[in-house]
Amino acid sequence: MRPLFHPAIEDVQPEAILHALSDPRRAAIFARITKAGCVEACSAVSSVGDQVIPKSSLSSHFKVLREAGLIRCERHGVEMRNHSRCAEVEARFPGLLSAIMNAYAARLS
């Protein structure tokens, strides 16, 4: 298998973060990963509310989040474990993630 691309924190751009979290499904996936600290399988976030996300779409969402520098994915056998890089991103862009996620949470209320 080819290695997964994870940008160095110095290469993470705010435009990529804004793009990645502009999709409500990706924002929900990122919120779950951040809250849990680690999601052991992609299928653990295969639904958003009452909507089921197809596996092909879910893989695409994880790729966008990973390439934006928001999550780190590690292979463990046949599963992928997804970790939030929230602390790293917050250190590089103070307040950016909290502002986006607060706006996302307010929209749900």
PDB file of N, CA and C in Angstrom:
ATOM      1  N   MET A   1       0.841  -1.186   0.000  1.00  0.00           N
ATOM      2  CA  MET A   1       0.000   0.000   0.000  1.00  0.00           C
ATOM      3  C   MET A   1       0.885   1.249   0.000  1.00  0.00           C
ATOM      4  N   ARG A   2       0.400   2.248  -0.692  1.00  0.00           N
ATOM      5  CA  ARG A   2       1.175   3.491  -0.730  1.00  0.00           C
ATOM      6  C   ARG A   2       0.971   4.273   0.563  1.00  0.00           C
ATOM      7  N   PRO A   3       1.963   5.027   0.963  1.00  0.00           N
ATOM      8  CA  PRO A   3       1.839   5.802   2.205  1.00  0.00           C
ATOM      9  C   PRO A   3       0.815   6.928   2.052  1.00  0.00           C
ATOM     10  N   LEU A   4       0.209   7.292   3.154  1.00  0.00           N
ATOM     11  CA  LEU A   4      -0.769   8.383   3.163  1.00  0.00           C
ATOM     12  C   LEU A   4      -0.054   9.713   3.301  1.00  0.00           C
ATOM     13  N   PHE A   5      -0.583  10.737   2.646  1.00  0.00           N
ATOM     14  CA  PHE A   5      -0.005  12.071   2.714  1.00  0.00           C
ATOM     15  C   PHE A   5      -0.545  12.808   3.934  1.00  0.00           C
ATOM     16  N   HIS A   6       0.351  13.276   4.782  1.00  0.00           N
ATOM     17  CA  HIS A   6       0.022  14.129   5.920  1.00  0.00           C
ATOM     18  C   HIS A   6       0.927  15.349   5.842  1.00  0.00           C
ATOM     19  N   PRO A   7       0.365  16.533   5.623  1.00  0.00           N
ATOM     20  CA  PRO A   7       1.239  17.705   5.527  1.00  0.00           C
ATOM     21  C   PRO A   7       1.899  18.024   6.872  1.00  0.00           C
ATOM     22  N   ALA A   8       3.108  18.523   6.794  1.00  0.00           N
ATOM     23  CA  ALA A   8       3.760  19.023   8.005  1.00  0.00           C
ATOM     24  C   ALA A   8       2.941  20.211   8.498  1.00  0.00           C
ATOM     25  N   ILE A   9       2.919  20.429   9.781  1.00  0.00           N
ATOM     26  CA  ILE A   9       2.083  21.499  10.341  1.00  0.00           C
ATOM     27  C   ILE A   9       2.489  22.854   9.758  1.00  0.00           C
ATOM     28  N   GLU A  10       3.740  23.018   9.396  1.00  0.00           N
ATOM     29  CA  GLU A  10       4.201  24.274   8.798  1.00  0.00           C
ATOM     30  C   GLU A  10       3.614  24.492   7.403  1.00  0.00           C
ATOM     31  N   ASP A  11       3.182  23.399   6.754  1.00  0.00           N
ATOM     32  CA  ASP A  11       2.628  23.481   5.406  1.00  0.00           C
ATOM     33  C   ASP A  11       1.109  23.589   5.388  1.00  0.00           C
ATOM     34  N   VAL A  12       0.483  23.463   6.531  1.00  0.00           N
ATOM     35  CA  VAL A  12      -0.985  23.551   6.610  1.00  0.00           C
ATOM     36  C   VAL A  12      -1.407  24.992   6.336  1.00  0.00           C
ATOM     37  N   GLN A  13      -2.368  25.149   5.443  1.00  0.00           N
ATOM     38  CA  GLN A  13      -2.848  26.470   5.047  1.00  0.00           C
ATOM     39  C   GLN A  13      -4.270  26.698   5.546  1.00  0.00           C
ATOM     40  N   PRO A  14      -4.583  27.924   5.990  1.00  0.00           N
ATOM     41  CA  PRO A  14      -5.947  28.190   6.463  1.00  0.00           C
ATOM     42  C   PRO A  14      -6.993  27.981   5.377  1.00  0.00           C
ATOM     43  N   GLU A  15      -6.635  28.217   4.117  1.00  0.00           N
ATOM     44  CA  GLU A  15      -7.579  28.008   3.021  1.00  0.00           C
ATOM     45  C   GLU A  15      -8.000  26.547   2.931  1.00  0.00           C
ATOM     46  N   ALA A  16      -7.045  25.638   3.138  1.00  0.00           N
ATOM     47  CA  ALA A  16      -7.350  24.211   3.092  1.00  0.00           C
ATOM     48  C   ALA A  16      -8.255  23.812   4.253  1.00  0.00           C
ATOM     49  N   ILE A  17      -8.022  24.384   5.416  1.00  0.00           N
ATOM     50  CA  ILE A  17      -8.860  24.102   6.582  1.00  0.00           C
ATOM     51  C   ILE A  17     -10.280  24.599   6.340  1.00  0.00           C
ATOM     52  N   LEU A  18     -10.400  25.825   5.837  1.00  0.00           N
ATOM     53  CA  LEU A  18     -11.727  26.386   5.555  1.00  0.00           C
ATOM     54  C   LEU A  18     -12.463  25.547   4.516  1.00  0.00           C
ATOM     55  N   HIS A  19     -11.755  25.115   3.479  1.00  0.00           N
ATOM     56  CA  HIS A  19     -12.383  24.272   2.462  1.00  0.00           C
ATOM     57  C   HIS A  19     -12.841  22.947   3.066  1.00  0.00           C
ATOM     58  N   ALA A  20     -11.960  22.313   3.836  1.00  0.00           N
ATOM     59  CA  ALA A  20     -12.282  21.001   4.414  1.00  0.00           C
ATOM     60  C   ALA A  20     -13.498  21.074   5.326  1.00  0.00           C
ATOM     61  N   LEU A  21     -13.602  22.135   6.113  1.00  0.00           N
ATOM     62  CA  LEU A  21     -14.697  22.231   7.081  1.00  0.00           C
ATOM     63  C   LEU A  21     -15.913  22.972   6.530  1.00  0.00           C
ATOM     64  N   SER A  22     -15.871  23.351   5.253  1.00  0.00           N
ATOM     65  CA  SER A  22     -17.039  24.010   4.652  1.00  0.00           C
ATOM     66  C   SER A  22     -18.161  23.019   4.362  1.00  0.00           C
ATOM     67  N   ASP A  23     -17.819  21.753   4.282  1.00  0.00           N
ATOM     68  CA  ASP A  23     -18.833  20.712   4.057  1.00  0.00           C
ATOM     69  C   ASP A  23     -19.379  20.267   5.415  1.00  0.00           C
ATOM     70  N   PRO A  24     -20.697  20.322   5.611  1.00  0.00           N
ATOM     71  CA  PRO A  24     -21.272  19.948   6.918  1.00  0.00           C
ATOM     72  C   PRO A  24     -20.951  18.520   7.342  1.00  0.00           C
ATOM     73  N   ARG A  25     -20.865  17.610   6.390  1.00  0.00           N
ATOM     74  CA  ARG A  25     -20.535  16.221   6.745  1.00  0.00           C
ATOM     75  C   ARG A  25     -19.107  16.112   7.253  1.00  0.00           C
ATOM     76  N   ARG A  26     -18.188  16.794   6.563  1.00  0.00           N
ATOM     77  CA  ARG A  26     -16.784  16.760   7.024  1.00  0.00           C
ATOM     78  C   ARG A  26     -16.645  17.447   8.373  1.00  0.00           C
ATOM     79  N   ALA A  27     -17.367  18.540   8.572  1.00  0.00           N
ATOM     80  CA  ALA A  27     -17.319  19.225   9.868  1.00  0.00           C
ATOM     81  C   ALA A  27     -17.822  18.295  10.972  1.00  0.00           C
ATOM     82  N   ALA A  28     -18.881  17.541  10.682  1.00  0.00           N
ATOM     83  CA  ALA A  28     -19.425  16.597  11.671  1.00  0.00           C
ATOM     84  C   ALA A  28     -18.440  15.469  11.950  1.00  0.00           C
ATOM     85  N   ILE A  29     -17.807  14.957  10.904  1.00  0.00           N
ATOM     86  CA  ILE A  29     -16.804  13.898  11.073  1.00  0.00           C
ATOM     87  C   ILE A  29     -15.646  14.408  11.917  1.00  0.00           C
ATOM     88  N   PHE A  30     -15.147  15.613  11.585  1.00  0.00           N
ATOM     89  CA  PHE A  30     -14.031  16.184  12.343  1.00  0.00           C
ATOM     90  C   PHE A  30     -14.423  16.423  13.802  1.00  0.00           C
ATOM     91  N   ALA A  31     -15.632  16.900  14.034  1.00  0.00           N
ATOM     92  CA  ALA A  31     -16.095  17.133  15.407  1.00  0.00           C
ATOM     93  C   ALA A  31     -16.114  15.832  16.203  1.00  0.00           C
ATOM     94  N   ARG A  32     -16.569  14.751  15.580  1.00  0.00           N
ATOM     95  CA  ARG A  32     -16.594  13.455  16.277  1.00  0.00           C
ATOM     96  C   ARG A  32     -15.191  12.958  16.595  1.00  0.00           C
ATOM     97  N   ILE A  33     -14.286  13.080  15.631  1.00  0.00           N
ATOM     98  CA  ILE A  33     -12.913  12.629  15.858  1.00  0.00           C
ATOM     99  C   ILE A  33     -12.268  13.460  16.960  1.00  0.00           C
ATOM    100  N   THR A  34     -12.479  14.772  16.921  1.00  0.00           N
ATOM    101  CA  THR A  34     -11.898  15.660  17.934  1.00  0.00           C
ATOM    102  C   THR A  34     -12.453  15.341  19.313  1.00  0.00           C
ATOM    103  N   LYS A  35     -13.738  15.109  19.386  1.00  0.00           N
ATOM    104  CA  LYS A  35     -14.373  14.798  20.675  1.00  0.00           C
ATOM    105  C   LYS A  35     -13.870  13.466  21.224  1.00  0.00           C
ATOM    106  N   ALA A  36     -13.736  12.466  20.346  1.00  0.00           N
ATOM    107  CA  ALA A  36     -13.317  11.130  20.779  1.00  0.00           C
ATOM    108  C   ALA A  36     -11.806  11.035  20.979  1.00  0.00           C
ATOM    109  N   GLY A  37     -11.052  11.915  20.326  1.00  0.00           N
ATOM    110  CA  GLY A  37      -9.596  11.841  20.404  1.00  0.00           C
ATOM    111  C   GLY A  37      -9.029  10.914  19.346  1.00  0.00           C
ATOM    112  N   CYS A  38      -9.681   9.789  19.126  1.00  0.00           N
ATOM    113  CA  CYS A  38      -9.257   8.814  18.123  1.00  0.00           C
ATOM    114  C   CYS A  38     -10.477   8.013  17.716  1.00  0.00           C
ATOM    115  N   VAL A  39     -10.648   7.836  16.437  1.00  0.00           N
ATOM    116  CA  VAL A  39     -11.708   6.975  15.927  1.00  0.00           C
ATOM    117  C   VAL A  39     -11.016   5.781  15.298  1.00  0.00           C
ATOM    118  N   GLU A  40     -11.343   4.594  15.781  1.00  0.00           N
ATOM    119  CA  GLU A  40     -10.617   3.411  15.339  1.00  0.00           C
ATOM    120  C   GLU A  40     -11.011   2.923  13.955  1.00  0.00           C
ATOM    121  N   ALA A  41     -12.200   3.213  13.499  1.00  0.00           N
ATOM    122  CA  ALA A  41     -12.608   2.764  12.172  1.00  0.00           C
ATOM    123  C   ALA A  41     -13.444   3.843  11.513  1.00  0.00           C
ATOM    124  N   CYS A  42     -13.288   3.947  10.207  1.00  0.00           N
ATOM    125  CA  CYS A  42     -14.058   4.938   9.458  1.00  0.00           C
ATOM    126  C   CYS A  42     -15.559   4.697   9.618  1.00  0.00           C
ATOM    127  N   SER A  43     -15.945   3.430   9.759  1.00  0.00           N
ATOM    128  CA  SER A  43     -17.363   3.102   9.879  1.00  0.00           C
ATOM    129  C   SER A  43     -17.985   3.664  11.158  1.00  0.00           C
ATOM    130  N   ALA A  44     -17.147   4.060  12.116  1.00  0.00           N
ATOM    131  CA  ALA A  44     -17.656   4.631  13.371  1.00  0.00           C
ATOM    132  C   ALA A  44     -18.317   5.979  13.144  1.00  0.00           C
ATOM    133  N   VAL A  45     -18.007   6.625  12.033  1.00  0.00           N
ATOM    134  CA  VAL A  45     -18.609   7.919  11.707  1.00  0.00           C
ATOM    135  C   VAL A  45     -19.353   7.838  10.372  1.00  0.00           C
ATOM    136  N   SER A  46     -19.901   6.674  10.060  1.00  0.00           N
ATOM    137  CA  SER A  46     -20.530   6.472   8.759  1.00  0.00           C
ATOM    138  C   SER A  46     -21.921   7.081   8.646  1.00  0.00           C
ATOM    139  N   SER A  47     -22.383   7.717   9.708  1.00  0.00           N
ATOM    140  CA  SER A  47     -23.670   8.410   9.610  1.00  0.00           C
ATOM    141  C   SER A  47     -23.559   9.769  10.281  1.00  0.00           C
ATOM    142  N   VAL A  48     -24.252  10.725   9.687  1.00  0.00           N
ATOM    143  CA  VAL A  48     -24.330  12.081  10.227  1.00  0.00           C
ATOM    144  C   VAL A  48     -25.810  12.348  10.446  1.00  0.00           C
ATOM    145  N   GLY A  49     -26.184  12.430  11.719  1.00  0.00           N
ATOM    146  CA  GLY A  49     -27.617  12.555  12.021  1.00  0.00           C
ATOM    147  C   GLY A  49     -28.324  11.302  11.551  1.00  0.00           C
ATOM    148  N   ASP A  50     -29.327  11.466  10.708  1.00  0.00           N
ATOM    149  CA  ASP A  50     -30.062  10.311  10.196  1.00  0.00           C
ATOM    150  C   ASP A  50     -29.611   9.929   8.789  1.00  0.00           C
ATOM    151  N   GLN A  51     -28.549  10.561   8.282  1.00  0.00           N
ATOM    152  CA  GLN A  51     -28.027  10.274   6.945  1.00  0.00           C
ATOM    153  C   GLN A  51     -26.837   9.330   7.017  1.00  0.00           C
ATOM    154  N   VAL A  52     -26.890   8.269   6.224  1.00  0.00           N
ATOM    155  CA  VAL A  52     -25.767   7.341   6.131  1.00  0.00           C
ATOM    156  C   VAL A  52     -24.870   7.808   4.993  1.00  0.00           C
ATOM    157  N   ILE A  53     -23.578   7.850   5.255  1.00  0.00           N
ATOM    158  CA  ILE A  53     -22.606   8.276   4.253  1.00  0.00           C
ATOM    159  C   ILE A  53     -22.041   7.027   3.579  1.00  0.00           C
ATOM    160  N   PRO A  54     -22.152   6.921   2.249  1.00  0.00           N
ATOM    161  CA  PRO A  54     -21.574   5.759   1.551  1.00  0.00           C
ATOM    162  C   PRO A  54     -20.068   5.676   1.783  1.00  0.00           C
ATOM    163  N   LYS A  55     -19.520   4.454   1.764  1.00  0.00           N
ATOM    164  CA  LYS A  55     -18.089   4.256   2.022  1.00  0.00           C
ATOM    165  C   LYS A  55     -17.213   5.067   1.078  1.00  0.00           C
ATOM    166  N   SER A  56     -17.587   5.138  -0.193  1.00  0.00           N
ATOM    167  CA  SER A  56     -16.764   5.885  -1.155  1.00  0.00           C
ATOM    168  C   SER A  56     -16.723   7.367  -0.794  1.00  0.00           C
ATOM    169  N   SER A  57     -17.845   7.931  -0.383  1.00  0.00           N
ATOM    170  CA  SER A  57     -17.885   9.337   0.031  1.00  0.00           C
ATOM    171  C   SER A  57     -17.119   9.532   1.331  1.00  0.00           C
ATOM    172  N   LEU A  58     -17.252   8.589   2.239  1.00  0.00           N
ATOM    173  CA  LEU A  58     -16.562   8.674   3.521  1.00  0.00           C
ATOM    174  C   LEU A  58     -15.047   8.699   3.310  1.00  0.00           C
ATOM    175  N   SER A  59     -14.551   7.854   2.431  1.00  0.00           N
ATOM    176  CA  SER A  59     -13.115   7.842   2.123  1.00  0.00           C
ATOM    177  C   SER A  59     -12.666   9.183   1.570  1.00  0.00           C
ATOM    178  N   SER A  60     -13.468   9.756   0.710  1.00  0.00           N
ATOM    179  CA  SER A  60     -13.151  11.059   0.134  1.00  0.00           C
ATOM    180  C   SER A  60     -13.120  12.147   1.207  1.00  0.00           C
ATOM    181  N   HIS A  61     -14.087  12.120   2.123  1.00  0.00           N
ATOM    182  CA  HIS A  61     -14.120  13.102   3.208  1.00  0.00           C
ATOM    183  C   HIS A  61     -12.883  12.987   4.102  1.00  0.00           C
ATOM    184  N   PHE A  62     -12.484  11.760   4.428  1.00  0.00           N
ATOM    185  CA  PHE A  62     -11.290  11.558   5.244  1.00  0.00           C
ATOM    186  C   PHE A  62     -10.045  12.055   4.523  1.00  0.00           C
ATOM    187  N   LYS A  63      -9.971  11.840   3.218  1.00  0.00           N
ATOM    188  CA  LYS A  63      -8.824  12.312   2.442  1.00  0.00           C
ATOM    189  C   LYS A  63      -8.722  13.837   2.490  1.00  0.00           C
ATOM    190  N   VAL A  64      -9.844  14.529   2.315  1.00  0.00           N
ATOM    191  CA  VAL A  64      -9.835  15.994   2.356  1.00  0.00           C
ATOM    192  C   VAL A  64      -9.399  16.485   3.733  1.00  0.00           C
ATOM    193  N   LEU A  65      -9.938  15.882   4.796  1.00  0.00           N
ATOM    194  CA  LEU A  65      -9.562  16.269   6.159  1.00  0.00           C
ATOM    195  C   LEU A  65      -8.076  16.010   6.413  1.00  0.00           C
ATOM    196  N   ARG A  66      -7.585  14.862   5.935  1.00  0.00           N
ATOM    197  CA  ARG A  66      -6.178  14.498   6.136  1.00  0.00           C
ATOM    198  C   ARG A  66      -5.263  15.445   5.370  1.00  0.00           C
ATOM    199  N   GLU A  67      -5.584  15.706   4.108  1.00  0.00           N
ATOM    200  CA  GLU A  67      -4.717  16.561   3.290  1.00  0.00           C
ATOM    201  C   GLU A  67      -4.770  18.026   3.715  1.00  0.00           C
ATOM    202  N   ALA A  68      -5.834  18.413   4.421  1.00  0.00           N
ATOM    203  CA  ALA A  68      -5.906  19.773   4.969  1.00  0.00           C
ATOM    204  C   ALA A  68      -5.091  19.893   6.255  1.00  0.00           C
ATOM    205  N   GLY A  69      -4.646  18.752   6.788  1.00  0.00           N
ATOM    206  CA  GLY A  69      -3.846  18.760   8.011  1.00  0.00           C
ATOM    207  C   GLY A  69      -4.671  18.685   9.278  1.00  0.00           C
ATOM    208  N   LEU A  70      -5.956  18.339   9.157  1.00  0.00           N
ATOM    209  CA  LEU A  70      -6.831  18.309  10.331  1.00  0.00           C
ATOM    210  C   LEU A  70      -6.811  16.983  11.071  1.00  0.00           C
ATOM    211  N   ILE A  71      -6.518  15.898  10.359  1.00  0.00           N
ATOM    212  CA  ILE A  71      -6.465  14.588  11.017  1.00  0.00           C
ATOM    213  C   ILE A  71      -5.216  13.842  10.566  1.00  0.00           C
ATOM    214  N   ARG A  72      -4.849  12.865  11.357  1.00  0.00           N
ATOM    215  CA  ARG A  72      -3.757  11.954  11.012  1.00  0.00           C
ATOM    216  C   ARG A  72      -4.366  10.557  10.982  1.00  0.00           C
ATOM    217  N   CYS A  73      -4.105   9.832   9.919  1.00  0.00           N
ATOM    218  CA  CYS A  73      -4.636   8.478   9.756  1.00  0.00           C
ATOM    219  C   CYS A  73      -3.494   7.479   9.835  1.00  0.00           C
ATOM    220  N   GLU A  74      -3.705   6.407  10.585  1.00  0.00           N
ATOM    221  CA  GLU A  74      -2.696   5.361  10.720  1.00  0.00           C
ATOM    222  C   GLU A  74      -3.343   4.025  10.400  1.00  0.00           C
ATOM    223  N   ARG A  75      -2.633   3.241   9.603  1.00  0.00           N
ATOM    224  CA  ARG A  75      -3.131   1.901   9.278  1.00  0.00           C
ATOM    225  C   ARG A  75      -2.799   0.955  10.425  1.00  0.00           C
ATOM    226  N   HIS A  76      -3.791   0.183  10.824  1.00  0.00           N
ATOM    227  CA  HIS A  76      -3.616  -0.884  11.818  1.00  0.00           C
ATOM    228  C   HIS A  76      -4.324  -2.100  11.248  1.00  0.00           C
ATOM    229  N   GLY A  77      -3.551  -2.959  10.571  1.00  0.00           N
ATOM    230  CA  GLY A  77      -4.157  -4.092   9.886  1.00  0.00           C
ATOM    231  C   GLY A  77      -5.003  -3.586   8.731  1.00  0.00           C
ATOM    232  N   VAL A  78      -6.276  -3.946   8.725  1.00  0.00           N
ATOM    233  CA  VAL A  78      -7.177  -3.516   7.650  1.00  0.00           C
ATOM    234  C   VAL A  78      -7.955  -2.256   8.028  1.00  0.00           C
ATOM    235  N   GLU A  79      -7.763  -1.775   9.247  1.00  0.00           N
ATOM    236  CA  GLU A  79      -8.489  -0.587   9.706  1.00  0.00           C
ATOM    237  C   GLU A  79      -7.599   0.650   9.676  1.00  0.00           C
ATOM    238  N   MET A  80      -8.257   1.788   9.611  1.00  0.00           N
ATOM    239  CA  MET A  80      -7.579   3.075   9.714  1.00  0.00           C
ATOM    240  C   MET A  80      -7.983   3.696  11.039  1.00  0.00           C
ATOM    241  N   ARG A  81      -7.017   4.172  11.784  1.00  0.00           N
ATOM    242  CA  ARG A  81      -7.309   4.920  13.015  1.00  0.00           C
ATOM    243  C   ARG A  81      -7.069   6.392  12.711  1.00  0.00           C
ATOM    244  N   ASN A  82      -8.033   7.192  13.048  1.00  0.00           N
ATOM    245  CA  ASN A  82      -8.003   8.610  12.716  1.00  0.00           C
ATOM    246  C   ASN A  82      -7.884   9.429  13.990  1.00  0.00           C
ATOM    247  N   HIS A  83      -6.863  10.278  14.027  1.00  0.00           N
ATOM    248  CA  HIS A  83      -6.597  11.129  15.181  1.00  0.00           C
ATOM    249  C   HIS A  83      -6.730  12.588  14.774  1.00  0.00           C
ATOM    250  N   SER A  84      -7.265  13.392  15.650  1.00  0.00           N
ATOM    251  CA  SER A  84      -7.363  14.826  15.407  1.00  0.00           C
ATOM    252  C   SER A  84      -5.997  15.476  15.585  1.00  0.00           C
ATOM    253  N   ARG A  85      -5.695  16.444  14.741  1.00  0.00           N
ATOM    254  CA  ARG A  85      -4.484  17.249  14.889  1.00  0.00           C
ATOM    255  C   ARG A  85      -4.857  18.638  15.407  1.00  0.00           C
ATOM    256  N   CYS A  86      -5.960  18.689  16.122  1.00  0.00           N
ATOM    257  CA  CYS A  86      -6.523  19.949  16.600  1.00  0.00           C
ATOM    258  C   CYS A  86      -5.499  20.771  17.386  1.00  0.00           C
ATOM    259  N   ALA A  87      -4.774  20.145  18.284  1.00  0.00           N
ATOM    260  CA  ALA A  87      -3.810  20.883  19.108  1.00  0.00           C
ATOM    261  C   ALA A  87      -2.713  21.502  18.250  1.00  0.00           C
ATOM    262  N   GLU A  88      -2.226  20.758  17.256  1.00  0.00           N
ATOM    263  CA  GLU A  88      -1.183  21.282  16.367  1.00  0.00           C
ATOM    264  C   GLU A  88      -1.709  22.463  15.543  1.00  0.00           C
ATOM    265  N   VAL A  89      -2.917  22.297  15.000  1.00  0.00           N
ATOM    266  CA  VAL A  89      -3.505  23.351  14.171  1.00  0.00           C
ATOM    267  C   VAL A  89      -3.816  24.577  15.021  1.00  0.00           C
ATOM    268  N   GLU A  90      -4.311  24.347  16.227  1.00  0.00           N
ATOM    269  CA  GLU A  90      -4.639  25.462  17.132  1.00  0.00           C
ATOM    270  C   GLU A  90      -3.377  26.244  17.508  1.00  0.00           C
ATOM    271  N   ALA A  91      -2.259  25.538  17.671  1.00  0.00           N
ATOM    272  CA  ALA A  91      -1.002  26.221  17.983  1.00  0.00           C
ATOM    273  C   ALA A  91      -0.533  27.071  16.796  1.00  0.00           C
ATOM    274  N   ARG A  92      -0.763  26.586  15.589  1.00  0.00           N
ATOM    275  CA  ARG A  92      -0.338  27.323  14.390  1.00  0.00           C
ATOM    276  C   ARG A  92      -1.283  28.474  14.058  1.00  0.00           C
ATOM    277  N   PHE A  93      -2.599  28.237  14.205  1.00  0.00           N
ATOM    278  CA  PHE A  93      -3.616  29.253  13.897  1.00  0.00           C
ATOM    279  C   PHE A  93      -4.543  29.407  15.105  1.00  0.00           C
ATOM    280  N   PRO A  94      -4.112  30.138  16.133  1.00  0.00           N
ATOM    281  CA  PRO A  94      -4.913  30.255  17.361  1.00  0.00           C
ATOM    282  C   PRO A  94      -6.329  30.784  17.084  1.00  0.00           C
ATOM    283  N   GLY A  95      -7.299  30.044  17.586  1.00  0.00           N
ATOM    284  CA  GLY A  95      -8.689  30.468  17.496  1.00  0.00           C
ATOM    285  C   GLY A  95      -9.421  30.073  16.229  1.00  0.00           C
ATOM    286  N   LEU A  96      -8.705  29.649  15.187  1.00  0.00           N
ATOM    287  CA  LEU A  96      -9.354  29.339  13.914  1.00  0.00           C
ATOM    288  C   LEU A  96     -10.320  28.165  14.034  1.00  0.00           C
ATOM    289  N   LEU A  97      -9.835  27.038  14.542  1.00  0.00           N
ATOM    290  CA  LEU A  97     -10.694  25.854  14.640  1.00  0.00           C
ATOM    291  C   LEU A  97     -11.857  26.064  15.600  1.00  0.00           C
ATOM    292  N   SER A  98     -11.601  26.700  16.728  1.00  0.00           N
ATOM    293  CA  SER A  98     -12.690  26.909  17.685  1.00  0.00           C
ATOM    294  C   SER A  98     -13.760  27.815  17.090  1.00  0.00           C
ATOM    295  N   ALA A  99     -13.363  28.831  16.320  1.00  0.00           N
ATOM    296  CA  ALA A  99     -14.347  29.714  15.683  1.00  0.00           C
ATOM    297  C   ALA A  99     -15.192  28.952  14.667  1.00  0.00           C
ATOM    298  N   ILE A 100     -14.540  28.134  13.855  1.00  0.00           N
ATOM    299  CA  ILE A 100     -15.270  27.354  12.844  1.00  0.00           C
ATOM    300  C   ILE A 100     -16.201  26.348  13.505  1.00  0.00           C
ATOM    301  N   MET A 101     -15.691  25.617  14.490  1.00  0.00           N
ATOM    302  CA  MET A 101     -16.505  24.572  15.117  1.00  0.00           C
ATOM    303  C   MET A 101     -17.631  25.174  15.961  1.00  0.00           C
ATOM    304  N   ASN A 102     -17.407  26.340  16.583  1.00  0.00           N
ATOM    305  CA  ASN A 102     -18.492  27.016  17.311  1.00  0.00           C
ATOM    306  C   ASN A 102     -19.577  27.467  16.345  1.00  0.00           C
ATOM    307  N   ALA A 103     -19.187  27.976  15.188  1.00  0.00           N
ATOM    308  CA  ALA A 103     -20.174  28.384  14.178  1.00  0.00           C
ATOM    309  C   ALA A 103     -20.944  27.170  13.677  1.00  0.00           C
ATOM    310  N   TYR A 104     -20.259  26.059  13.495  1.00  0.00           N
ATOM    311  CA  TYR A 104     -20.912  24.829  13.064  1.00  0.00           C
ATOM    312  C   TYR A 104     -21.909  24.346  14.125  1.00  0.00           C
ATOM    313  N   ALA A 105     -21.505  24.367  15.389  1.00  0.00           N
ATOM    314  CA  ALA A 105     -22.380  23.932  16.480  1.00  0.00           C
ATOM    315  C   ALA A 105     -23.592  24.861  16.610  1.00  0.00           C
ATOM    316  N   ALA A 106     -23.386  26.170  16.438  1.00  0.00           N
ATOM    317  CA  ALA A 106     -24.488  27.115  16.525  1.00  0.00           C
ATOM    318  C   ALA A 106     -25.489  26.888  15.400  1.00  0.00           C
ATOM    319  N   ARG A 107     -24.995  26.508  14.258  1.00  0.00           N
ATOM    320  CA  ARG A 107     -25.877  26.238  13.121  1.00  0.00           C
ATOM    321  C   ARG A 107     -26.780  25.039  13.392  1.00  0.00           C
ATOM    322  N   LEU A 108     -26.268  24.083  14.149  1.00  0.00           N
ATOM    323  CA  LEU A 108     -27.046  22.891  14.476  1.00  0.00           C
ATOM    324  C   LEU A 108     -28.105  23.157  15.538  1.00  0.00           C
ATOM    325  N   SER A 109     -27.897  24.201  16.332  1.00  0.00           N
ATOM    326  CA  SER A 109     -28.821  24.491  17.434  1.00  0.00           C
ATOM    327  C   SER A 109     -30.113  25.101  16.956  1.00  0.00           C
TER     328      SER A 109
END
